[in-house]
Protein backbone atom coordinates (compact mmCIF):
# COMPACT_ATOMS: atom_id res chain seq x y z
CA MET A 1 -35.16 -12.32 -17.06
CA LEU A 2 -32.35 -10.22 -17.55
CA GLN A 3 -30.51 -9.21 -20.56
CA THR A 4 -27.40 -10.20 -21.55
CA ASP A 5 -25.76 -6.54 -21.04
CA GLU A 6 -27.58 -6.33 -17.60
CA ARG A 7 -25.81 -9.96 -16.65
CA SER A 8 -22.24 -8.73 -18.28
CA LEU A 9 -22.73 -5.79 -15.96
CA GLN A 10 -23.48 -7.54 -13.12
CA VAL A 11 -20.34 -9.94 -13.58
CA ILE A 12 -17.85 -6.97 -14.16
CA PHE A 13 -19.36 -4.96 -10.71
CA SER A 14 -19.01 -8.41 -8.95
CA ALA A 15 -15.82 -9.28 -10.25
CA ALA A 16 -14.61 -5.67 -9.37
CA LEU A 17 -16.11 -5.67 -5.66
CA ALA A 18 -14.57 -9.28 -4.78
CA ALA A 19 -10.87 -8.24 -6.09
CA LEU A 20 -11.37 -4.40 -4.16
CA ILE A 21 -12.55 -6.85 -0.93
CA SER A 22 -9.50 -9.39 -1.65
CA TYR A 23 -6.79 -6.49 -2.05
CA LEU A 24 -7.80 -4.91 1.05
CA GLY A 25 -7.76 -8.30 3.14
CA VAL A 26 -8.42 -7.55 6.67
CA VAL A 27 -9.41 -3.57 6.01
CA ALA A 28 -12.22 -4.53 3.94
CA ILE A 29 -15.13 -4.91 6.98
CA PRO A 30 -13.91 -1.59 8.92
CA VAL A 31 -13.64 0.25 5.12
CA THR A 32 -16.95 -1.12 4.73
CA VAL A 33 -18.24 0.27 8.14
CA LEU A 34 -16.59 3.55 7.66
CA MET A 35 -18.26 4.20 4.47
CA ALA A 36 -21.61 3.23 6.14
CA ALA A 37 -20.97 5.77 8.63
CA MET A 38 -20.06 8.34 6.58
CA ILE A 39 -23.11 8.00 4.55
CA ILE A 40 -25.31 7.93 7.99
CA ASP A 41 -23.52 10.74 9.34
CA TYR A 42 -23.81 13.14 5.87
CA VAL A 43 -27.52 12.05 5.96
CA THR A 44 -27.83 13.22 9.80
CA GLY A 45 -25.79 16.42 8.98
CA MET A 46 -28.39 17.54 6.35
CA ALA A 47 -31.16 16.56 8.27
CA ALA A 48 -29.71 18.38 11.72
CA ALA A 49 -29.05 21.51 8.95
CA TRP A 50 -32.23 21.39 7.20
CA HIS A 51 -33.94 21.14 10.76
CA ASN A 52 -32.18 24.03 12.06
CA LYS A 53 -32.52 26.13 9.40
CA LYS A 54 -28.85 25.76 8.17
CA LEU A 55 -29.04 23.92 4.90
CA SER A 56 -26.26 24.95 2.23
CA SER A 57 -25.41 23.25 -0.67
CA LYS A 58 -21.62 24.51 -0.34
CA LYS A 59 -21.42 23.05 3.35
CA GLY A 60 -23.32 19.77 1.48
CA LEU A 61 -20.43 19.60 -0.89
CA SER A 62 -17.80 20.54 1.51
CA GLY A 63 -19.15 17.17 3.35
CA ILE A 64 -18.93 15.12 0.25
CA ILE A 65 -15.02 16.48 -0.11
CA LYS A 66 -14.13 16.20 3.28
CA LYS A 67 -15.82 12.13 3.28
CA ILE A 68 -13.51 11.75 0.23
CA SER A 69 -10.32 12.71 1.63
CA TYR A 70 -11.28 10.33 4.68
CA LEU A 71 -10.90 7.70 2.18
CA ALA A 72 -7.34 8.70 1.19
CA LEU A 73 -6.37 8.98 4.44
CA VAL A 74 -7.14 5.62 4.92
CA CYS A 75 -4.95 4.74 1.83
CA VAL A 76 -2.13 7.21 3.03
CA GLY A 77 -2.25 4.60 6.26
CA MET A 78 -2.20 1.76 4.58
CA GLY A 79 0.81 2.71 2.22
CA VAL A 80 2.72 3.47 5.41
CA ASP A 81 1.67 -0.35 6.38
CA TRP A 82 2.86 -1.31 2.89
CA LEU A 83 6.22 0.58 3.20
CA ILE A 84 7.03 -0.67 6.45
CA TYR A 85 6.31 -4.38 5.72
CA SER A 86 7.05 -4.92 2.24
CA GLY A 87 9.93 -1.83 1.32
CA LEU A 88 11.71 -2.40 4.39
CA LYS A 89 11.50 -6.25 4.78
CA GLN A 90 12.84 -6.20 1.35
CA VAL A 91 15.77 -4.82 2.23
CA GLY A 92 16.22 -6.49 5.22
CA ILE A 93 16.40 -3.72 7.82
CA ILE A 94 13.34 -4.89 9.28
CA ASP A 95 10.70 -7.53 9.86
CA LEU A 96 7.47 -7.19 11.33
CA ASN A 97 4.61 -9.57 12.00
CA TYR A 98 1.76 -7.22 10.70
CA THR A 99 1.00 -6.50 7.45
CA ILE A 100 -1.71 -3.69 8.38
CA PHE A 101 -1.60 -1.27 11.17
CA PHE A 102 -1.95 1.77 10.62
CA GLY A 103 -4.00 1.65 7.59
CA LEU A 104 -6.63 -0.29 10.16
CA LEU A 105 -6.41 2.43 12.96
CA VAL A 106 -6.75 5.17 10.87
CA THR A 107 -9.99 3.36 9.72
CA ILE A 108 -11.01 2.89 12.94
CA TRP A 109 -10.10 5.97 14.00
CA LEU A 110 -12.17 7.98 11.09
CA ILE A 111 -15.15 5.42 12.29
CA ILE A 112 -15.05 6.86 15.91
CA ASN A 113 -15.47 10.50 14.42
CA GLU A 114 -18.13 9.67 12.37
CA LEU A 115 -20.26 7.83 15.12
CA ILE A 116 -19.72 11.14 17.37
CA SER A 117 -20.68 13.47 14.50
CA ILE A 118 -23.81 11.09 13.93
CA LEU A 119 -24.45 11.32 17.85
CA GLU A 120 -23.72 15.28 17.33
CA ASN A 121 -26.02 15.34 14.60
CA LEU A 122 -28.83 13.81 16.28
CA GLY A 123 -28.61 15.48 19.56
CA SER A 124 -29.25 18.99 17.49
CA ILE A 125 -31.80 17.50 15.83
CA GLY A 126 -33.65 17.44 19.16
CA VAL A 127 -33.30 12.78 19.14
CA PRO A 128 -32.87 12.22 23.33
CA LEU A 129 -29.10 10.38 23.47
CA PRO A 130 -28.41 8.39 26.08
CA MET A 131 -25.37 9.76 28.18
CA PHE A 132 -23.90 6.27 28.23
CA LEU A 133 -23.17 5.73 24.80
CA ILE A 134 -21.80 9.29 24.62
CA LYS A 135 -19.18 8.47 27.22
CA ILE A 136 -18.09 5.13 25.43
CA VAL A 137 -18.08 6.61 22.18
CA LYS A 138 -15.88 9.09 23.05
CA ARG A 139 -13.76 6.92 25.12
CA LEU A 140 -13.00 4.72 22.35
CA LYS A 141 -11.51 7.68 20.71
CA VAL A 142 -9.27 8.92 23.30
CA THR A 143 -8.08 4.90 23.79
CA THR A 144 -7.39 4.92 20.11
CA GLU A 145 -5.45 8.19 20.24
CA ASN A 146 -3.64 6.53 22.99
CA ILE A 147 -2.66 3.77 20.96
CA THR A 148 -1.48 5.74 17.94
CA GLU A 149 1.03 7.12 20.23
CA SER A 150 2.32 4.61 21.65
CA GLU A 151 3.09 3.00 18.83
CA SER A 152 4.05 6.00 17.49
CA GLU A 153 6.60 6.32 20.23
CA LYS A 154 8.05 3.01 19.79
CA HIS A 155 9.00 3.46 16.10
CA ASP A 156 10.55 6.76 16.64
């Protein structure tokens, strides 16, 4: 049976996680997928570095900083969404039908980058990769970048 302190810790953790998911809303699942992809990419990257005898603590730390920066980039995208939706709507300049676009788009773009990196890491280890999977993931990246460019041009 759990101790009272452990139960309290579980309740606090559960409440904090529920609040975070509620705050993120639509972006909660893609951010969770991004975090999982970042962990898999980090692990496969370290495995590839070990396999190729290029393992370095400096590169490992750099990878962690890069992953944390990805989450900061998602926050920037969500900040842009908030500015556009909330800020401009309140002064009556613009009224959009969406509340989250850029944050979601940045998250999806980062997930695709992580998937490409995972495939590269696995290929570096010597895992046989199906060519159709490589083509699909790279096509998703191009499609996402095209959507970003077309949306950017609409707002210019």
